[in-house]
């Protein structure tokens, strides 16, 4: 059976629609439903997956036509990018598609959120992630460690890139790992903490890799982490603030998310372990004076996390949620500097890993 290339999939998609138009049939698109109702947690696989519900979108339907045309415009842009072997970022695709229909005052798109959703639709229709459609997000990650890669013909050593580290691209699919000398990976939600660890050269002292992004991890970061974890059998320690949002970042890395359920198998990291500040660390490391009181939105998020399918029957996690509720506030990783400038590198991380003081 022939495996279609991305360009062939786009051409097949377009040919289907034109053939339907030629025989007088209302051109239509089958799109898997992206909603909470069509997402399930696969316990055996340990990940969030998309269900089987599919919706139809018709060209000649007043309620459908706008999104239908937006999806076709994005598909046209992706086809052109593949043909000339060039890339655009999400914002550039928006401007590429944004224009007024001739003889009207109607724009194909008004906001970037519309093209972003159309790109997600195209991913579902073709079964191809946007990165392989040559559509990238902004770079939001950095890495360091004893790793040598081959990227578009260039050999790059992550241990020899000065204070800035290696800037992680949106698309990491074609990167080749020439040499990976590490026992584990530390993923951080904050660049500032990454800079602390990098300046302390923790990746050299503990023989590990350190990777960070700003807040919630990007798809490129998640794919990079998954590739390193699966291809090189490396555990991943998630180092985040002690709050519901830090736990959520860990949860998305380990189990996946509703919005990207259709890509779970290429993004989920089963070996991820929570090394962030736990409720027990507050007393253990003398951080009570650094507690920042929860806001209503934090309490609401905490309650939501308690009810997640993968947490609700886990005694260790339920104990943590209860303790955080009793504490009534959060503690940021930056608070560890109150114990010393490099306390996080010299004591906190090595100690927690040695004692296996993490959550899963």
Protein backbone atom coordinates (compact mmCIF):
# COMPACT_ATOMS: atom_id res chain seq x y z
CA UNK A 1 0.00 0.00 0.00
CA UNK A 2 1.42 3.36 -1.05
CA UNK A 3 2.01 5.90 1.72
CA UNK A 4 0.94 9.33 0.51
CA UNK A 5 3.20 12.33 0.94
CA UNK A 6 1.81 15.47 2.56
CA UNK A 7 1.52 17.17 -0.83
CA UNK A 8 -0.33 14.15 -2.27
CA UNK A 9 -2.76 14.23 0.67
CA UNK A 10 -3.55 17.88 -0.02
CA UNK A 11 -4.05 17.18 -3.73
CA UNK A 12 -6.34 14.25 -2.89
CA UNK A 13 -8.35 16.51 -0.59
CA UNK A 14 -8.73 19.13 -3.32
CA UNK A 15 -9.58 16.56 -6.01
CA UNK A 16 -12.39 15.12 -3.86
CA UNK A 17 -14.03 18.52 -3.57
CA UNK A 18 -13.70 19.37 -7.26
CA UNK A 19 -15.09 15.98 -8.28
CA UNK A 20 -18.12 16.52 -6.02
CA UNK A 21 -18.69 19.94 -7.61
CA UNK A 22 -18.43 18.50 -11.14
CA UNK A 23 -21.21 15.97 -10.54
CA UNK A 24 -23.44 18.58 -8.89
CA UNK A 25 -22.93 17.33 -5.36
CA UNK A 26 -22.56 19.83 -2.52
CA UNK A 27 -18.80 19.70 -1.71
CA UNK A 28 -18.31 18.65 1.89
CA UNK A 29 -15.54 18.01 4.40
CA UNK A 30 -15.50 15.42 7.18
CA UNK A 31 -13.88 16.91 10.29
CA UNK A 32 -13.44 15.06 13.60
CA UNK A 33 -15.25 16.95 16.36
CA UNK A 34 -12.89 18.97 18.55
CA UNK A 35 -14.73 19.17 21.85
CA UNK A 36 -14.62 17.77 25.37
CA UNK A 37 -17.51 15.45 24.44
CA UNK A 38 -15.32 13.78 21.80
CA UNK A 39 -12.24 13.31 23.96
CA UNK A 40 -11.53 10.23 26.07
CA UNK A 41 -8.78 9.18 28.46
CA UNK A 42 -7.22 5.92 27.34
CA UNK A 43 -6.10 4.36 30.63
CA UNK A 44 -4.08 1.60 29.01
CA UNK A 45 -2.14 4.04 26.80
CA UNK A 46 -2.05 6.67 29.56
CA UNK A 47 -3.09 9.53 27.31
CA UNK A 48 -5.94 11.75 26.19
CA UNK A 49 -7.29 10.66 22.79
CA UNK A 50 -9.83 11.96 20.33
CA UNK A 51 -13.06 10.00 19.96
CA UNK A 52 -14.77 8.87 16.75
CA UNK A 53 -17.36 11.64 16.38
CA UNK A 54 -17.16 13.36 12.98
CA UNK A 55 -18.96 16.44 11.71
CA UNK A 56 -19.67 17.47 8.12
CA UNK A 57 -19.06 20.92 6.70
CA UNK A 58 -20.73 21.90 3.41
CA UNK A 59 -19.75 24.58 0.92
CA UNK A 60 -23.36 25.51 0.13
CA UNK A 61 -24.51 26.03 3.68
CA UNK A 62 -24.80 29.50 5.16
CA UNK A 63 -23.64 28.27 8.57
CA UNK A 64 -20.62 26.41 7.13
CA UNK A 65 -19.36 28.38 4.14
CA UNK A 66 -17.08 30.83 5.97
CA UNK A 67 -15.11 28.11 7.77
CA UNK A 68 -15.19 25.93 4.65
CA UNK A 69 -13.52 28.65 2.58
CA UNK A 70 -11.01 29.46 5.34
CA UNK A 71 -9.92 25.81 5.45
CA UNK A 72 -9.50 25.73 1.66
CA UNK A 73 -7.45 28.94 1.73
CA UNK A 74 -5.12 27.49 4.37
CA UNK A 75 -4.84 24.26 2.36
CA UNK A 76 -3.89 26.31 -0.73
CA UNK A 77 -1.22 28.14 1.25
CA UNK A 78 0.17 24.85 2.64
CA UNK A 79 0.26 23.34 -0.87
CA UNK A 80 2.24 26.34 -2.15
CA UNK A 81 4.68 26.16 0.78
CA UNK A 82 5.33 22.48 0.16
CA UNK A 83 5.77 23.06 -3.56
CA UNK A 84 8.46 25.74 -3.07
CA UNK A 85 9.86 24.08 0.09
CA UNK A 86 9.48 27.16 2.28
CA UNK A 87 7.84 27.87 5.63
CA UNK A 88 5.56 30.52 7.15
CA UNK A 89 4.69 31.09 10.78
CA UNK A 90 1.12 31.27 12.06
CA UNK A 91 0.99 35.05 11.85
CA UNK A 92 2.27 35.09 8.29
CA UNK A 93 -0.35 32.54 7.21
CA UNK A 94 -3.01 34.84 8.64
CA UNK A 95 -1.82 37.73 6.50
CA UNK A 96 -1.47 35.44 3.51
CA UNK A 97 -5.13 34.43 3.78
CA UNK A 98 -6.56 37.77 4.94
CA UNK A 99 -8.15 39.60 2.02
CA UNK A 100 -11.52 40.93 0.88
CA UNK A 101 -13.59 38.89 -1.56
CA UNK A 102 -13.90 40.70 -4.93
CA UNK A 103 -17.07 42.80 -5.26
CA UNK A 104 -17.87 42.55 -1.54
CA UNK A 105 -16.81 44.01 1.79
CA UNK A 106 -16.40 40.53 3.28
CA UNK A 107 -12.99 39.37 4.50
CA UNK A 108 -12.05 35.71 4.30
CA UNK A 109 -10.70 36.08 7.84
CA UNK A 110 -10.81 38.93 10.33
CA UNK A 111 -8.70 37.54 13.18
CA UNK A 112 -5.72 35.19 13.42
CA UNK A 113 -7.76 32.85 15.62
CA UNK A 114 -9.73 31.99 12.47
CA UNK A 115 -6.69 30.88 10.46
CA UNK A 116 -5.31 29.05 13.51
CA UNK A 117 -8.55 27.03 13.73
CA UNK A 118 -8.54 26.41 9.98
CA UNK A 119 -4.98 25.06 10.28
CA UNK A 120 -6.13 22.73 13.08
CA UNK A 121 -9.00 21.58 10.84
CA UNK A 122 -6.52 20.84 8.06
CA UNK A 123 -4.41 18.79 10.46
CA UNK A 124 -7.45 16.66 11.28
CA UNK A 125 -8.51 16.33 7.64
CA UNK A 126 -5.08 15.26 6.38
CA UNK A 127 -3.75 13.57 9.50
CA UNK A 128 -0.63 15.72 9.15
CA UNK A 129 0.66 18.12 11.85
CA UNK A 130 1.01 21.77 10.84
CA UNK A 131 4.80 21.58 11.04
CA UNK A 132 4.78 19.07 8.17
CA UNK A 133 2.46 21.42 6.29
CA UNK A 134 5.35 23.91 6.58
CA UNK A 135 3.44 26.11 9.03
CA UNK A 136 5.38 26.91 12.19
CA UNK A 137 4.75 28.63 15.48
CA UNK A 138 7.16 31.15 17.00
CA UNK A 139 10.28 29.82 18.68
CA UNK A 140 9.70 29.65 22.41
CA UNK A 141 12.29 27.22 23.73
CA UNK A 142 15.93 26.77 24.63
CA UNK A 143 18.14 23.76 25.38
CA UNK A 144 21.62 22.91 26.67
CA UNK A 145 23.52 19.72 27.40
CA UNK A 146 26.00 17.27 25.94
CA UNK A 147 24.00 16.72 22.78
CA UNK A 148 25.14 16.97 19.16
CA UNK A 149 22.52 17.28 16.44
CA UNK A 150 22.37 17.60 12.68
CA UNK A 151 19.90 20.29 11.60
CA UNK A 152 19.57 21.04 7.86
CA UNK A 153 23.17 20.06 7.23
CA UNK A 154 24.59 21.99 10.21
CA UNK A 155 26.22 20.14 13.11
CA UNK A 156 25.25 21.82 16.38
CA UNK A 157 26.69 21.05 19.82
CA UNK A 158 24.30 22.14 22.59
CA UNK A 159 27.16 22.35 25.09
CA UNK A 160 29.06 24.97 23.09
CA UNK A 161 26.54 27.73 22.47
CA UNK A 162 27.45 30.20 25.21
CA UNK A 163 24.91 31.66 27.60
CA UNK A 164 22.02 31.55 25.12
CA UNK A 165 21.86 27.81 24.48
CA UNK A 166 20.21 26.24 21.44
CA UNK A 167 17.02 27.94 20.28
CA UNK A 168 14.46 25.16 19.77
CA UNK A 169 12.63 25.53 16.43
CA UNK A 170 8.93 24.94 15.93
CA UNK A 171 9.58 21.88 13.75
CA UNK A 172 11.99 19.31 15.21
CA UNK A 173 10.86 16.33 13.16
CA UNK A 174 13.85 16.20 10.81
CA UNK A 175 16.54 16.90 13.40
CA UNK A 176 18.99 14.01 13.71
CA UNK A 177 20.61 13.20 17.07
CA UNK A 178 24.27 12.37 16.39
CA UNK A 179 25.30 12.05 20.04
CA UNK A 180 23.29 12.22 23.26
CA UNK A 181 25.30 11.94 26.48
CA UNK A 182 22.79 12.34 29.30
CA UNK A 183 21.10 10.38 32.08
CA UNK A 184 17.89 12.40 32.13
CA UNK A 185 16.19 15.64 31.05
CA UNK A 186 15.01 18.54 33.18
CA UNK A 187 12.16 20.51 31.63
CA UNK A 188 11.41 23.95 33.06
CA UNK A 189 8.42 26.22 32.59
CA UNK A 190 10.46 29.40 33.09
CA UNK A 191 13.38 30.78 31.12
CA UNK A 192 14.76 32.54 34.20
CA UNK A 193 15.14 29.22 36.03
CA UNK A 194 16.74 27.68 32.95
CA UNK A 195 19.29 30.53 32.90
CA UNK A 196 20.10 29.84 36.54
CA UNK A 197 20.69 26.15 35.86
CA UNK A 198 22.65 26.90 32.70
CA UNK A 199 24.93 29.40 34.43
CA UNK A 200 25.51 26.80 37.14
CA UNK A 201 26.22 24.28 34.34
CA UNK A 202 23.97 21.74 36.00
CA UNK A 203 23.75 19.84 32.72
CA UNK A 204 27.51 19.18 33.04
CA UNK A 205 27.53 18.43 36.79
CA UNK A 206 24.57 16.03 36.69
CA UNK A 207 25.09 14.81 33.11
CA UNK A 208 21.64 15.87 31.96
CA UNK A 209 19.84 18.01 29.40
CA UNK A 210 17.98 21.19 30.38
CA UNK A 211 15.12 22.45 28.22
CA UNK A 212 12.73 25.31 28.85
CA UNK A 213 9.89 27.27 27.29
CA UNK A 214 7.73 30.15 28.48
CA UNK A 215 4.86 28.74 30.52
CA UNK A 216 2.93 25.97 28.77
CA UNK A 217 5.24 23.99 26.52
CA UNK A 218 5.01 24.50 22.76
CA UNK A 219 4.34 21.65 20.37
CA UNK A 220 7.94 21.78 19.17
CA UNK A 221 9.21 21.44 22.75
CA UNK A 222 6.82 18.60 23.51
CA UNK A 223 7.84 16.73 20.37
CA UNK A 224 11.53 17.27 21.13
CA UNK A 225 11.06 15.96 24.67
CA UNK A 226 9.13 12.96 23.43
CA UNK A 227 11.75 12.12 20.81
CA UNK A 228 14.58 12.33 23.33
CA UNK A 229 12.61 10.28 25.83
CA UNK A 230 11.61 7.50 23.44
CA UNK A 231 14.62 7.40 21.12
CA UNK A 232 17.20 7.64 23.92
CA UNK A 233 15.27 6.15 26.84
CA UNK A 234 15.60 9.26 29.02
CA UNK A 235 13.34 10.07 31.97
CA UNK A 236 12.03 13.63 32.05
CA UNK A 237 11.75 15.64 35.25
CA UNK A 238 9.27 18.50 35.04
CA UNK A 239 10.41 21.43 37.17
CA UNK A 240 7.57 23.91 37.71
CA UNK A 241 6.15 26.28 40.30
CA UNK A 242 4.19 24.84 43.19
CA UNK A 243 0.70 25.78 42.04
CA UNK A 244 -2.24 24.36 40.02
CA UNK A 245 -0.84 25.85 36.81
CA UNK A 246 2.51 24.13 37.26
CA UNK A 247 0.72 20.83 37.84
CA UNK A 248 -1.34 21.47 34.71
CA UNK A 249 1.84 21.98 32.64
CA UNK A 250 3.08 18.60 33.93
CA UNK A 251 -0.30 17.02 33.22
CA UNK A 252 -0.31 18.18 29.58
CA UNK A 253 3.22 16.86 29.03
CA UNK A 254 2.49 13.45 30.54
CA UNK A 255 -1.11 12.79 29.46
CA UNK A 256 -1.89 15.25 26.67
CA UNK A 257 -4.55 17.93 26.26
CA UNK A 258 -8.06 18.25 24.90
CA UNK A 259 -7.07 20.73 22.19
CA UNK A 260 -4.34 18.43 20.85
CA UNK A 261 -5.98 15.07 21.48
CA UNK A 262 -5.62 14.28 17.77
CA UNK A 263 -1.82 14.47 18.14
CA UNK A 264 -1.45 12.68 21.46
CA UNK A 265 0.69 9.83 20.17
CA UNK A 266 3.39 12.21 18.89
CA UNK A 267 3.37 14.55 21.89
CA UNK A 268 2.57 12.64 25.09
CA UNK A 269 5.51 11.73 27.36
CA UNK A 270 4.65 8.78 29.65
CA UNK A 271 8.07 8.92 31.36
CA UNK A 272 7.51 12.46 32.67
CA UNK A 273 7.90 12.86 36.43
CA UNK A 274 6.82 15.86 38.52
CA UNK A 275 9.88 17.35 40.20
CA UNK A 276 8.35 20.76 40.82
CA UNK A 277 7.65 22.22 44.22
CA UNK A 278 5.29 19.93 46.12
CA UNK A 279 3.10 20.89 49.05
CA UNK A 280 5.54 18.99 51.29
CA UNK A 281 8.47 21.10 50.05
CA UNK A 282 7.00 24.22 51.62
CA UNK A 283 7.88 23.04 55.11
CA UNK A 284 10.86 20.90 54.11
CA UNK A 285 12.72 23.84 52.55
CA UNK A 286 11.42 26.58 54.85
CA UNK A 287 9.33 28.40 52.22
CA UNK A 288 6.26 29.34 54.27
CA UNK A 289 7.16 33.02 54.17
CA UNK A 290 7.15 32.86 50.35
CA UNK A 291 3.56 31.68 49.97
CA UNK A 292 1.46 33.80 47.62
CA UNK A 293 -2.25 33.57 48.43
CA UNK A 294 -4.41 31.77 45.86
CA UNK A 295 -6.84 33.80 43.78
CA UNK A 296 -10.30 32.46 42.94
CA UNK A 297 -9.05 31.35 39.51
CA UNK A 298 -6.27 29.30 41.17
CA UNK A 299 -8.73 27.56 43.49
CA UNK A 300 -11.02 26.79 40.56
CA UNK A 301 -8.14 25.29 38.58
CA UNK A 302 -7.08 23.19 41.61
CA UNK A 303 -10.59 21.72 41.87
CA UNK A 304 -10.60 20.94 38.15
CA UNK A 305 -7.27 19.14 38.42
CA UNK A 306 -8.56 16.99 41.28
CA UNK A 307 -11.29 15.65 39.00
CA UNK A 308 -9.07 14.76 36.03
CA UNK A 309 -9.43 11.06 35.21
CA UNK A 310 -5.71 10.40 35.68
CA UNK A 311 -5.56 12.16 39.08
CA UNK A 312 -8.90 11.41 40.75
CA UNK A 313 -7.99 7.86 41.84
CA UNK A 314 -4.33 8.59 42.60
CA UNK A 315 -3.87 8.78 46.38
CA UNK A 316 -0.53 10.57 46.23
CA UNK A 317 -1.88 13.31 43.98
CA UNK A 318 -5.13 13.66 45.92
CA UNK A 319 -3.06 14.14 49.07
CA UNK A 320 -1.15 16.91 47.31
CA UNK A 321 -4.32 18.64 46.15
CA UNK A 322 -5.72 18.58 49.69
CA UNK A 323 -2.50 19.98 51.14
CA UNK A 324 -2.38 22.78 48.57
CA UNK A 325 -5.98 23.65 49.42
CA UNK A 326 -5.08 23.76 53.13
CA UNK A 327 -1.99 25.88 52.41
CA UNK A 328 -4.19 28.24 50.40
CA UNK A 329 -1.41 29.62 48.25
CA UNK A 330 1.36 28.94 45.78
CA UNK A 331 5.15 29.06 45.90
CA UNK A 332 7.32 29.86 42.89
CA UNK A 333 10.62 28.14 42.09
CA UNK A 334 12.29 31.55 42.33
CA UNK A 335 11.60 31.43 46.07
CA UNK A 336 14.37 28.83 46.40
CA UNK A 337 16.89 31.65 45.92
CA UNK A 338 16.02 32.68 49.48
CA UNK A 339 18.05 29.63 50.51
CA UNK A 340 20.98 30.61 48.30
CA UNK A 341 21.64 31.86 44.77
CA UNK A 342 22.38 28.37 43.44
CA UNK A 343 20.40 26.38 46.01
CA UNK A 344 18.15 24.96 43.30
CA UNK A 345 21.16 23.61 41.36
CA UNK A 346 23.39 22.59 44.26
CA UNK A 347 20.82 21.11 46.63
CA UNK A 348 17.17 21.02 45.57
CA UNK A 349 17.42 19.15 42.25
CA UNK A 350 20.24 16.71 43.15
CA UNK A 351 18.60 15.90 46.48
CA UNK A 352 15.14 15.28 45.06
CA UNK A 353 16.43 13.07 42.23
CA UNK A 354 18.71 11.08 44.55
CA UNK A 355 15.86 10.42 46.99
CA UNK A 356 13.37 9.81 44.15
CA UNK A 357 11.24 12.53 45.67
CA UNK A 358 8.96 13.08 42.71
CA UNK A 359 5.34 12.45 41.76
CA UNK A 360 4.05 10.48 38.75
